[in-house]
Amino acid sequence: MISLNMRQIEFIKRLLGEKDYKTISSFADSLKVSSKTLQKDLAVIEKYLNHFNVSLDRKPGTGIKIINADKAKLLLNNSIQRQERGCSQIPINQRRVEITKDLLIDSNTTTSLQKLSQKYFVSKTSIINDLAYIEKWLSEFGLKLEKNTNGTKVEGAEIDIRRAISSLLFEYSKGDDGYRNIEELSERLDASSLNALSELFERDKIIYVNRLLVELEKKYNCRLDDPYYINLLTHILITLTRCLGGKQIKVDVRNKVDSLKFERAYKEAVEVVNKLNKDFQLDLGESEVYYLYQYFVSSGLIKNITDEADEVLNKLNRKAELFAEKITKCMEKVMHINILNDEVVMEGLMMHIRPMLNRLDYDIKISNPLMGEIRKEYFEILNICKAAALMVSRDLKLKAIPIDEIGYLTLYYQLALERSVIKKRILVVCYSGYGTSHLLATRIRRAFPDWEIAGVISVSMLSKRNMKDIDFIVSTVPIDVKEKPYILVSTFLNDQDINNISKLIKEKAVETNERQTGTMY
C-alpha cells in the first residue's frame, strides 16, 4: 500500500469534496503550496486511487475531479483514516530544507507563519524555531531574513543567494529517498545528486544545461570530473533560474574583464550567456559573463592559449607546485613515507590543486560527496592533512581551504600510503652473496612484482651497506640490523615465507597509521 503524507491526504479529502472540475492552481491556493508541488503529489495520489479502482479525470483548461466522488468516499474512508493515524509529519530537517529552498528560489516573495504552519501541519511555534535555525544557516552566506507585516523573505546580495542555493543542493542530497529517472543524466549523476537537482530545478532546465555541458566537453575533447561537472551544472542552473525570476548580479566588472576578453574561457562564457539570452529571452550582462568565466577556469574545462593567459597559467602552475611541495613535505614528516618521488600521486595532486587555487581566488566552493566516508575511513590522515593545509595556506598567504577540498587531498595521501605498502625497495642478504642470493631475488620478484630489489649482498658486506634507500631486508641467515626491519626466509622462498613477508608488510602499515595517530594526539 502506498503511504501518503499529510498534505496528500488533505488533497484527497478536498478532491472528494468537489463534484465539479477544479484547477490544480485553486487547490494549490487553498493548501498554501505551489502548483508544482501538487503536480508531484498527484502522481502519488493517482497510484493510491488506482489501488481502489477510483479514477481521477483530467480535463485540459478546466481542471481535475474524482469520478463518482460519493462512491469513492465509501471506498476510501477506512483507508484514509488508517493513513491519518499512521502518517507522521516530514522530518524536521527535511522541512527546514524545504522552507529554505522556497525562501531562496523565490526570494522576491514573502511567506508567513500562518502559511508555513498550514502547509506543513505543524504549530506556529515550530515554524518560529525553524526560521531561527534557517536564519543562522543563512548568516554563513551573509544573508538574513527580513520580517515585516507582509511576511518573511531573504535579504542579501544576489551572489550570496546563489552561493546559498548551491550549498542547499547538497543538503538535499543527504536525504536520498529515491529519484526520478532522467536518462540523459544517469551516466553523470548519482541518485542523491539527481534527486537534489530535481527538487530545486525544473526537469527540462536540468536536461537543457546538461546538453550544453556535453557540447562543451565534445568541443574541448575532455570529460569533466564529477565534482566539477556537478558544480558547473548547478551554477548554470542557479543562474538561469534566478535570472528568469528577474534576479541578476549587478556588479561593475569592467576593470576586471578588459584583460580577459582574449582568453578562450572568457569567449566561451560570452557564447554560453548569449545562448541563454537567446533561448530564454533574457538579457544577461557582463557581470553574469564574468561570474560564469570564474567557474570555467576553476573547472579546468577550458584551457587558455593567449600569451597573457600563458603567463597567468605559468604563475598558477608555480604556485600550485609550491603548494603541492610544501603540503606533501608536511605529510611526509608525519606519515613517515616518501611521497614527493611518487609520480602518480604528485601528478594527481597537481591536477586537483591547480583548479583548487583558482576556486580559492574566486570564492567558489565545491562539495565533496565522499566526505562522510573519508571522515569515517581516513580520519587520521584527514586531520593531518587539515593541519598541513592550514600551515601551508598561512605560509603562502592563501584563503582558508574548505574541508571538502581537504577531503580530496586526503584521498591522494591515502593513495600514497597504500602505494608505499605495495612498492618496496628490498635488500637481499645471503651467506655467500652469489648464486643462491640471486635465485632468491628472482623468486621475490616473481612473488612481489611491484617491489624493487635494491641490492644482493653477502652477510659479511652488510655492515658496510648504507641502509637509507632500503625499506626492509630479506635474509637467508640471521643478521643483526637495528635501523631496518628484516625477515628470515628459506633459500628457495616457499609459500610460508611469502605469507610471512606479506604479514610483515601489513604490520608495518598498521604501525605507520598508529604513528600518524600518535603524532596528531
Foldseek 3Di string as FASTA:
>chain_A
DQADAPLLLVLLVVLLVDPFFDALCVVCVVLLHHSVVVVVSVVSVQVVCVVLPWDWDADPPGHIHTPPSVVSCVSCVVVSVVSVVPHDFDDLLVLLLLVLLCQLLPQVDFDALVSSCSNRVHHSVSVVVSQVVSQVVLVVLVKGWDQDPRHIHIDDAPVSSLVVLLVSLVSQLVDQPFADDDPVCPVQDDRSSRRSCVSRAPPVLLVVLSVVVVVLCVVLVHDFDNLLVSLLSSSVRSQLSCVLVVDAHDDDCVVPCPVVPQWPLLVVLVVVVVVSCVVVVTDHDPVSSVVSSLSSLLRVSGQTDDPVSVVVLVVLLVVLVVLLVQLVVLVCVQLVFDDVPPPVLSVVSSVLSSSQQSCQVVVRDTAAPCVVVCCVPVVLLLLSLQVSQVVSCVVVVTPRRDSRSSSVNSVSVVVVLVVRLLEFEEEEEEAAQPDLSVLVVVVVCVLRVNYHDPYGGYLVCVVVDDCPRGAAYEYCDDHDDDPHHYDHDHSNQDPVNSVVVNVVSVVVSVVSSVSSVVVSD
